[in-house]
Structures are given as C-alpha cells and as structure tokens.
Amino acid sequence: MSEQTIRVGVIGAGGWATYGHLPALRTLPEFDVVAVSARRKESAEKAAEKFGIPRAYADAHELIKDPDVDFVAVLTPTSQRVPLVKAAIEAGKDVYSEWPLTTRTADSEELLALAEAKGVRHAVGLQRRQGPAARYARDLVARGYVGDVRAARISVGVDAFGPVMPEKVAWTFDVDAFTHVLSIYGGHFLDVLFQIVGPPKDLTALVETQFSELTVEETGKTVTSAKPDAVMAIGTLENGGLFSVQLEGGQKFPTGLQIDITGTEGVLRLTNDRAFENTEDNTLHGVNGDSSPGSALAVLPVPEEYRSLPDASLDESVQDLAHLYAAFARDKANGTTEATTFAEAVNQHHLIDRIQESSERRSA
C-alpha cells in the first residue's frame, strides 16, 4: 500500500454494497478497504471475510473514529444517512454518500454546507454520469455532433418498485422514505440526461401512484402507499430545445433505458435493455450531417480513453461506480472535481421538488 492509497471504511453491508461498492473498490489500486460496519456484527464479519477486509464493526461510529480510515462510504438506507455523514464530516474524514443523500432537500443543503465549511472532499452516488457512453455522449454534444439541440427524450422502465416487494425493502413503502421511482431512477438518469444536454429551464409534470396498495411478498400483508411509480414530464432546456421524460416502475416487461437527442445536424441515441444490474454496457448510436439524408443510426464505439478501469469484467452498473471512485481519487490527487459531489445531489433534490410541485399544481 502506497502513501497515496485512500483507506476506506464502508458503512453498510447490504446488497448494493456487496454487489457494487466492494467489488468496485477492490479493483482500484488507489483504494484499500480497511473496515466495514453493519447493524448486525455477523453481516459485517461476513462481508469482511468475503472481501478480505481486516476490521468489522457493529457500530458505525466506531468505524468513523478508526484512525486508519481516511474516507467513509455511507451506504445505509436513506433515512439513516444524515447523522452518519455528519459524524464523518465532523471527524474530518472525506465522505461518500449513496444517492439519495438525504430524504429532504434542506438536509442535503445542510450536509453540503457542512462539508464545504470543514474542507473535506465529498462524493455522492450519482454514478451513471460517469459511465463511458454517457461521458462520450456529453462530449459529442459539446463538440457539435448534433448541432443545436432541438429535443432530448428519456425513457426509463424497470421492474423495481412494483406492487409486490420483499419484506427486506418494506421500509420503502412509506413515501417519506424518499426511495421510489422518481427519487431513485429519476435522480440517477435525469442527472445523466441533463449533464449531456444542459439543465432544464421550465417544466410541466405528472407524478402518479398507480400501485396504491403494496404487498409484502413473504407474508401477503398489504399497505396503502402514496409513493410515485410513474412520472411524465415535458419542458424546455436552458440552452434551447425541448425535453420529455417517462419514468415507470413495476413493469412486468422492463423497457430499460433509452435517451434520444436530436439536433440541427444529427441524432444520438443511448440505450440499455436494463436500467440496473446491467451485464451489457450502454450502447451509443448516432448519425450526423456527414451522412446522406435518411441514413440509419450507426453504432458509435466509445473510444478507449473513456474506458480507463483496470478491470472491465464488472457489470456495467458496477463499472459506473468504479469510474466514480476513480474520479474521486484523481480529484484528491490533483485538486480537480471530476467526481459527482454533494452539490449535484442538491441539484437533483431541487429538480425532483420541481417535478413534484408541478404535478401537485396541476391536480390542485
């Protein structure tokens, strides 16, 4: 381990930690995971044994106080994150928080202000913008591949957040948990769209709860829920052009991800058959002014310079996360800000608020 190695303590040993974070960190030479904590000591010990982590804690605050931990990754359910992120900041540790950063915009703004005042580096798990195809699409638009953007459309359809869910995620049934289709998939993929084409200016939205009764899979218990599972929005972009959004959870046959960007000189399309747990990389297609009228979209291979990871065997969803961690390491070494920070989390909170408020005004 070199003097520049970032020593990580991971709080949370659930599915996304063991499927995503720990495998991603293990492939990156800039990081060394030295501690893991979970609410149950056995879960922490199991993750420690599987990933070769030297210390396992049942108390997250003991992990934060560990002098060998430089960087704390908080992967707990959203409602538990604020005190842990605060504790890491107050301890002077750099901190990563999974998205959503908090359940409330004001709380996320407070954490951003605290981190900036303390001078710690911070990152949030809006990792999709770090994927090679998303970054290449952003750069192509910036270079004028499509000319002036006329319209951008995104569709995200997933089987997650359906009417029947396992007991381990029953805590998400409450809308105040801020864990639903708009907050999770909207947060991740609207971040991708608008970092490619620029921020939205005006919008009108409809947010619906189509599954108002949710069932716990193991017990058959039903509860009433008001959390969103379908969203549609239209609007204008700051730099011109129109946009449209469709988010749909609980699909029996998931439609995955599709982004279309049309311009005065060309078209880009970014797709994936799945929006999460992707085994295949996002695919980018395009056609522009150099082609004859009526030409079909063609595959645009992502240049190798966008694929800088030492291990490309991870699922695409996990590679995006590894790209985010790698960007954080470069930022720390070079004083840059490639990684997605708490500031972007606050931006996404405000966007989600705007979408919800627009829908509420229409139904008032």
Protein backbone atom coordinates (compact mmCIF):
# COMPACT_ATOMS: atom_id res chain seq x y z
CA MET A 1 0.00 0.00 0.00
CA SER A 2 1.47 3.34 -1.07
CA GLU A 3 1.32 6.56 0.93
CA GLN A 4 -1.25 7.84 -1.58
CA THR A 5 -3.65 4.92 -1.06
CA ILE A 6 -7.06 6.03 0.20
CA ARG A 7 -8.09 3.90 3.18
CA VAL A 8 -11.85 3.31 3.08
CA GLY A 9 -14.36 2.42 5.78
CA VAL A 10 -17.67 1.17 4.37
CA ILE A 11 -20.84 1.62 6.45
CA GLY A 12 -23.43 -0.89 5.28
CA ALA A 13 -23.05 -4.45 4.03
CA GLY A 14 -26.28 -4.94 2.10
CA GLY A 15 -26.88 -5.98 -1.49
CA TRP A 16 -25.59 -2.83 -3.24
CA ALA A 17 -22.51 -2.82 -1.02
CA THR A 18 -21.61 -6.43 -1.83
CA TYR A 19 -22.73 -6.35 -5.48
CA GLY A 20 -21.41 -2.87 -6.29
CA HIS A 21 -19.18 -0.95 -3.90
CA LEU A 22 -16.87 -3.61 -2.50
CA PRO A 23 -16.17 -5.31 -5.87
CA ALA A 24 -15.58 -1.90 -7.49
CA LEU A 25 -13.21 -0.70 -4.76
CA ARG A 26 -11.33 -4.00 -4.81
CA THR A 27 -10.38 -3.46 -8.47
CA LEU A 28 -8.93 0.03 -7.93
CA PRO A 29 -5.31 0.27 -6.73
CA GLU A 30 -5.93 3.78 -5.36
CA PHE A 31 -8.16 2.37 -2.60
CA ASP A 32 -7.81 -0.07 0.28
CA VAL A 33 -10.96 -1.05 2.19
CA VAL A 34 -9.76 -1.36 5.79
CA ALA A 35 -13.07 -1.54 7.69
CA VAL A 36 -16.74 -2.40 7.24
CA SER A 37 -19.71 -1.97 9.58
CA ALA A 38 -23.29 -3.23 9.63
CA ARG A 39 -26.16 -3.17 12.09
CA ARG A 40 -25.53 -6.86 12.72
CA LYS A 41 -21.93 -7.77 13.55
CA GLU A 42 -22.34 -11.09 11.72
CA SER A 43 -23.17 -9.25 8.47
CA ALA A 44 -20.08 -7.07 8.81
CA GLU A 45 -17.92 -10.10 9.56
CA LYS A 46 -19.33 -11.99 6.58
CA ALA A 47 -18.53 -9.10 4.22
CA ALA A 48 -15.08 -8.68 5.79
CA GLU A 49 -14.28 -12.35 5.25
CA LYS A 50 -15.55 -12.37 1.66
CA PHE A 51 -13.65 -9.24 0.60
CA GLY A 52 -10.55 -9.55 2.77
CA ILE A 53 -11.33 -6.53 4.97
CA PRO A 54 -9.28 -6.51 8.21
CA ARG A 55 -11.84 -4.94 10.60
CA ALA A 56 -15.60 -5.43 11.08
CA TYR A 57 -17.73 -3.19 13.31
CA ALA A 58 -21.30 -3.36 14.59
CA ASP A 59 -21.14 0.35 15.49
CA ALA A 60 -20.70 2.70 12.53
CA HIS A 61 -19.39 5.45 14.81
CA GLU A 62 -16.51 3.21 15.86
CA LEU A 63 -15.61 2.81 12.19
CA ILE A 64 -15.71 6.59 11.69
CA LYS A 65 -13.38 7.08 14.68
CA ASP A 66 -10.92 4.45 13.39
CA PRO A 67 -7.64 6.35 12.80
CA ASP A 68 -6.81 4.09 9.84
CA VAL A 69 -9.93 5.24 7.94
CA ASP A 70 -9.43 8.25 5.64
CA PHE A 71 -12.61 8.02 3.60
CA VAL A 72 -16.04 6.94 4.85
CA ALA A 73 -18.61 5.47 2.43
CA VAL A 74 -22.14 5.66 3.86
CA LEU A 75 -24.36 3.04 2.20
CA THR A 76 -27.19 2.75 4.74
CA PRO A 77 -30.90 3.30 3.94
CA THR A 78 -31.55 6.96 3.15
CA SER A 79 -33.29 7.81 6.42
CA GLN A 80 -30.17 6.76 8.39
CA ARG A 81 -27.57 8.73 6.43
CA VAL A 82 -27.69 12.25 7.89
CA PRO A 83 -26.16 11.53 11.34
CA LEU A 84 -23.50 9.24 9.84
CA VAL A 85 -22.47 11.65 7.09
CA LYS A 86 -22.38 14.45 9.68
CA ALA A 87 -20.22 12.36 12.01
CA ALA A 88 -17.76 11.60 9.21
CA ILE A 89 -17.53 15.29 8.26
CA GLU A 90 -17.07 16.36 11.88
CA ALA A 91 -14.28 13.78 12.22
CA GLY A 92 -12.53 15.46 9.28
CA LYS A 93 -12.91 12.40 7.05
CA ASP A 94 -13.61 12.58 3.33
CA VAL A 95 -17.06 11.12 2.73
CA TYR A 96 -19.09 9.32 0.09
CA SER A 97 -22.86 9.03 0.45
CA GLU A 98 -25.10 6.83 -1.61
CA TRP A 99 -27.87 8.59 -3.51
CA PRO A 100 -30.25 9.92 -2.26
CA LEU A 101 -28.00 11.91 0.05
CA THR A 102 -30.96 12.54 2.41
CA THR A 103 -34.76 12.39 2.33
CA ARG A 104 -35.16 16.20 2.30
CA THR A 105 -33.66 18.96 0.17
CA ALA A 106 -32.89 21.13 3.20
CA ASP A 107 -30.95 18.31 4.86
CA SER A 108 -28.85 17.78 1.74
CA GLU A 109 -28.13 21.50 1.55
CA GLU A 110 -27.02 21.40 5.19
CA LEU A 111 -24.63 18.48 4.57
CA LEU A 112 -23.15 20.25 1.54
CA ALA A 113 -22.56 23.40 3.61
CA LEU A 114 -21.00 21.39 6.46
CA ALA A 115 -18.66 19.51 4.13
CA GLU A 116 -17.57 22.73 2.40
CA ALA A 117 -17.02 24.52 5.72
CA LYS A 118 -14.96 21.61 7.08
CA GLY A 119 -12.93 21.36 3.88
CA VAL A 120 -13.48 17.63 3.39
CA ARG A 121 -13.85 16.08 -0.03
CA HIS A 122 -17.26 14.62 -0.74
CA ALA A 123 -18.97 12.49 -3.37
CA VAL A 124 -22.49 11.22 -3.92
CA GLY A 125 -23.61 8.05 -5.67
CA LEU A 126 -24.94 9.61 -8.85
CA GLN A 127 -22.53 7.40 -10.73
CA ARG A 128 -24.42 6.96 -14.01
CA ARG A 129 -23.00 10.19 -15.46
CA GLN A 130 -19.52 8.65 -15.01
CA GLY A 131 -20.19 5.77 -17.43
CA PRO A 132 -18.08 5.79 -20.63
CA ALA A 133 -21.03 6.05 -23.05
CA ALA A 134 -22.65 8.86 -21.04
CA ARG A 135 -19.40 10.87 -20.89
CA TYR A 136 -18.75 10.30 -24.60
CA ALA A 137 -22.30 11.42 -25.48
CA ARG A 138 -21.80 14.56 -23.36
CA ASP A 139 -18.56 15.36 -25.18
CA LEU A 140 -20.08 14.68 -28.62
CA VAL A 141 -22.92 17.12 -27.93
CA ALA A 142 -20.44 19.72 -26.64
CA ARG A 143 -18.36 19.31 -29.83
CA GLY A 144 -21.41 19.92 -32.03
CA TYR A 145 -22.09 16.38 -33.23
CA VAL A 146 -25.86 17.01 -33.30
CA GLY A 147 -25.59 20.75 -33.93
CA ASP A 148 -28.01 22.83 -31.87
CA VAL A 149 -30.09 20.57 -29.64
CA ARG A 150 -33.73 20.59 -30.74
CA ALA A 151 -35.09 17.93 -28.38
CA ALA A 152 -34.00 15.37 -25.80
CA ARG A 153 -36.11 12.44 -24.68
CA ILE A 154 -35.50 9.89 -21.92
CA SER A 155 -37.47 6.76 -21.11
CA VAL A 156 -36.64 4.56 -18.09
CA GLY A 157 -38.70 1.42 -17.43
CA VAL A 158 -37.86 -1.02 -14.64
CA ASP A 159 -39.38 -3.97 -12.81
CA ALA A 160 -38.32 -2.47 -9.47
CA PHE A 161 -40.88 -0.71 -7.24
CA GLY A 162 -43.75 -2.93 -8.30
CA PRO A 163 -46.89 -3.79 -6.29
CA VAL A 164 -45.29 -6.82 -4.59
CA MET A 165 -41.94 -6.39 -2.86
CA PRO A 166 -39.85 -8.47 -0.43
CA GLU A 167 -40.03 -7.74 3.28
CA LYS A 168 -36.42 -6.53 3.46
CA VAL A 169 -37.39 -3.44 1.45
CA ALA A 170 -40.83 -2.87 3.01
CA TRP A 171 -39.39 0.27 4.63
CA THR A 172 -39.58 1.88 1.17
CA PHE A 173 -43.40 1.68 1.16
CA ASP A 174 -43.58 4.99 3.00
CA VAL A 175 -43.34 7.95 0.61
CA ASP A 176 -41.34 9.86 3.24
CA ALA A 177 -38.53 7.30 2.88
CA PHE A 178 -37.74 9.07 -0.44
CA THR A 179 -37.00 5.74 -2.10
CA HIS A 180 -39.20 5.38 -5.16
CA VAL A 181 -39.12 5.60 -8.95
CA LEU A 182 -38.82 9.40 -9.12
CA SER A 183 -36.18 9.76 -6.41
CA ILE A 184 -34.03 6.75 -7.36
CA TYR A 185 -34.29 6.23 -11.11
CA GLY A 186 -35.27 9.83 -11.77
CA GLY A 187 -32.37 11.03 -9.67
CA HIS A 188 -29.85 8.84 -11.46
CA PHE A 189 -30.99 9.14 -15.06
CA LEU A 190 -32.20 12.73 -15.18
CA ASP A 191 -28.71 13.54 -13.91
CA VAL A 192 -27.33 11.69 -16.96
CA LEU A 193 -29.67 13.42 -19.41
CA PHE A 194 -29.11 16.96 -18.20
CA GLN A 195 -25.34 16.63 -17.86
CA ILE A 196 -25.38 15.74 -21.60
CA VAL A 197 -27.76 18.44 -22.93
CA GLY A 198 -27.62 21.07 -20.20
CA PRO A 199 -30.06 21.91 -17.39
CA PRO A 200 -33.84 22.25 -17.72
CA LYS A 201 -35.42 25.69 -17.75
CA ASP A 202 -39.19 25.22 -17.50
CA LEU A 203 -41.13 22.01 -16.92
CA THR A 204 -44.58 20.56 -16.51
CA ALA A 205 -45.00 17.15 -14.90
CA LEU A 206 -47.42 14.44 -13.87
CA VAL A 207 -46.45 12.18 -10.95
CA GLU A 208 -48.73 9.21 -10.34
CA THR A 209 -49.15 6.42 -7.80
CA GLN A 210 -50.52 3.61 -9.95
CA PHE A 211 -49.84 0.93 -7.32
CA SER A 212 -51.64 2.44 -4.34
CA GLU A 213 -51.72 -0.90 -2.50
CA LEU A 214 -48.40 -2.68 -1.91
CA THR A 215 -47.95 -6.26 -0.75
CA VAL A 216 -45.16 -7.83 1.29
CA GLU A 217 -44.11 -10.87 -0.72
CA GLU A 218 -43.36 -13.24 2.16
CA THR A 219 -46.41 -12.51 4.33
CA GLY A 220 -49.09 -11.23 1.97
CA LYS A 221 -49.57 -8.18 4.20
CA THR A 222 -50.86 -5.16 2.27
CA VAL A 223 -50.34 -1.48 2.97
CA THR A 224 -51.58 1.70 1.36
CA SER A 225 -48.84 3.77 -0.26
CA ALA A 226 -48.64 7.19 -1.93
CA LYS A 227 -45.12 6.87 -3.32
CA PRO A 228 -44.70 7.65 -7.04
CA ASP A 229 -44.27 4.80 -9.53
CA ALA A 230 -44.93 6.65 -12.80
CA VAL A 231 -43.71 10.06 -13.96
CA MET A 232 -44.04 12.04 -17.17
CA ALA A 233 -42.63 15.50 -17.77
CA ILE A 234 -42.02 17.94 -20.60
CA GLY A 235 -40.17 21.20 -20.69
CA THR A 236 -37.55 23.44 -22.22
CA LEU A 237 -33.76 23.42 -21.84
CA GLU A 238 -31.70 26.39 -20.68
CA ASN A 239 -29.71 26.38 -23.92
CA GLY A 240 -32.71 25.89 -26.21
CA GLY A 241 -34.65 22.84 -27.27
CA LEU A 242 -37.35 20.73 -25.66
CA PHE A 243 -37.20 17.65 -23.44
CA SER A 244 -39.54 14.87 -22.37
CA VAL A 245 -39.29 12.30 -19.59
CA GLN A 246 -41.03 8.99 -18.90
CA LEU A 247 -40.21 7.01 -15.74
CA GLU A 248 -42.11 3.82 -14.99
CA GLY A 249 -41.61 1.34 -12.18
CA GLY A 250 -43.08 -2.11 -11.64
CA GLN A 251 -43.03 -3.03 -15.32
CA LYS A 252 -43.82 -6.69 -15.98
CA PHE A 253 -41.59 -6.49 -19.06
CA PRO A 254 -38.92 -3.84 -18.34
CA THR A 255 -38.19 -1.50 -21.22
CA GLY A 256 -34.83 -0.36 -19.85
CA LEU A 257 -33.13 2.91 -20.79
CA GLN A 258 -33.37 4.97 -23.94
CA ILE A 259 -32.15 8.53 -24.48
CA ASP A 260 -32.67 10.27 -27.83
CA ILE A 261 -31.05 13.62 -28.60
CA THR A 262 -31.96 15.33 -31.87
CA GLY A 263 -30.33 18.43 -33.27
CA THR A 264 -29.99 20.57 -36.33
CA GLU A 265 -27.11 18.42 -37.59
CA GLY A 266 -27.59 14.96 -36.17
CA VAL A 267 -29.03 12.44 -33.72
CA LEU A 268 -27.63 10.49 -30.75
CA ARG A 269 -29.25 7.51 -29.04
CA LEU A 270 -28.04 5.89 -25.81
CA THR A 271 -29.70 2.60 -24.81
CA ASN A 272 -29.55 -0.34 -22.44
CA ASP A 273 -32.01 -3.22 -22.12
CA ARG A 274 -31.88 -2.78 -18.35
CA ALA A 275 -31.56 0.30 -16.16
CA PHE A 276 -29.82 -1.52 -13.29
CA GLU A 277 -27.77 -4.69 -12.80
CA ASN A 278 -26.71 -4.36 -16.42
CA THR A 279 -24.46 -7.09 -17.74
CA GLU A 280 -24.02 -5.27 -21.05
CA ASP A 281 -22.56 -1.79 -21.50
CA ASN A 282 -24.72 1.12 -22.63
CA THR A 283 -24.82 1.34 -26.43
CA LEU A 284 -24.43 4.63 -28.29
CA HIS A 285 -25.77 5.15 -31.82
CA GLY A 286 -25.58 8.25 -33.96
CA VAL A 287 -25.89 9.90 -37.34
CA ASN A 288 -24.99 13.46 -38.28
CA GLY A 289 -24.54 15.95 -41.13
CA ASP A 290 -21.79 13.95 -42.79
CA SER A 291 -24.30 11.22 -43.67
CA SER A 292 -26.80 11.30 -46.54
CA PRO A 293 -30.43 12.20 -45.73
CA GLY A 294 -32.39 9.22 -44.40
CA SER A 295 -29.28 7.39 -43.19
CA ALA A 296 -29.86 4.96 -40.34
CA LEU A 297 -28.30 5.34 -36.92
CA ALA A 298 -24.99 3.52 -36.64
CA VAL A 299 -23.11 2.23 -33.60
CA LEU A 300 -20.62 4.77 -32.25
CA PRO A 301 -17.88 2.82 -30.46
CA VAL A 302 -16.80 4.52 -27.26
CA PRO A 303 -13.08 5.44 -27.54
CA GLU A 304 -10.73 3.54 -25.26
CA GLU A 305 -9.69 6.69 -23.39
CA TYR A 306 -13.14 6.67 -21.78
CA ARG A 307 -12.52 3.13 -20.51
CA SER A 308 -9.71 3.63 -18.00
CA LEU A 309 -10.56 0.96 -15.41
CA PRO A 310 -8.01 -1.77 -14.65
CA ASP A 311 -10.78 -4.43 -14.61
CA ALA A 312 -13.56 -4.34 -17.22
CA SER A 313 -15.17 -7.63 -16.13
CA LEU A 314 -17.61 -6.00 -13.71
CA ASP A 315 -21.25 -5.46 -14.68
CA GLU A 316 -21.84 -2.10 -16.36
CA SER A 317 -23.74 -0.82 -13.31
CA VAL A 318 -20.71 -1.56 -11.13
CA GLN A 319 -18.23 -0.17 -13.66
CA ASP A 320 -20.03 3.19 -13.49
CA LEU A 321 -19.48 3.14 -9.73
CA ALA A 322 -15.81 2.25 -10.18
CA HIS A 323 -15.45 5.19 -12.58
CA LEU A 324 -16.89 7.48 -9.88
CA TYR A 325 -14.44 6.22 -7.26
CA ALA A 326 -11.55 6.54 -9.73
CA ALA A 327 -12.61 10.14 -10.45
CA PHE A 328 -12.65 10.84 -6.72
CA ALA A 329 -9.07 9.51 -6.40
CA ARG A 330 -7.92 11.75 -9.28
CA ASP A 331 -9.64 14.73 -7.66
CA LYS A 332 -7.88 14.09 -4.36
CA ALA A 333 -4.51 13.73 -6.07
CA ASN A 334 -4.88 16.65 -8.50
CA GLY A 335 -7.26 19.09 -6.79
CA THR A 336 -9.90 18.62 -9.52
CA THR A 337 -13.66 17.98 -9.32
CA GLU A 338 -14.47 15.18 -11.75
CA ALA A 339 -16.43 13.15 -9.21
CA THR A 340 -20.12 13.80 -8.61
CA THR A 341 -20.32 15.86 -5.41
CA PHE A 342 -22.95 16.74 -2.82
CA ALA A 343 -23.65 19.86 -4.92
CA GLU A 344 -25.09 17.64 -7.66
CA ALA A 345 -27.16 15.82 -5.06
CA VAL A 346 -28.69 19.16 -4.05
CA ASN A 347 -29.36 19.96 -7.72
CA GLN A 348 -31.20 16.65 -8.12
CA HIS A 349 -33.22 17.30 -4.98
CA HIS A 350 -34.33 20.65 -6.38
CA LEU A 351 -35.24 19.08 -9.73
CA ILE A 352 -37.32 16.36 -8.06
CA ASP A 353 -39.02 19.04 -5.94
CA ARG A 354 -39.89 20.96 -9.13
CA ILE A 355 -41.37 17.86 -10.75
CA GLN A 356 -43.47 17.03 -7.68
CA GLU A 357 -44.63 20.63 -7.23
CA SER A 358 -45.63 20.88 -10.90
CA SER A 359 -47.72 17.74 -10.60
CA GLU A 360 -49.36 18.99 -7.39
CA ARG A 361 -50.28 22.31 -9.02
CA ARG A 362 -51.96 20.51 -11.91
CA SER A 363 -54.02 18.33 -9.58
CA ALA A 364 -54.98 21.14 -7.17
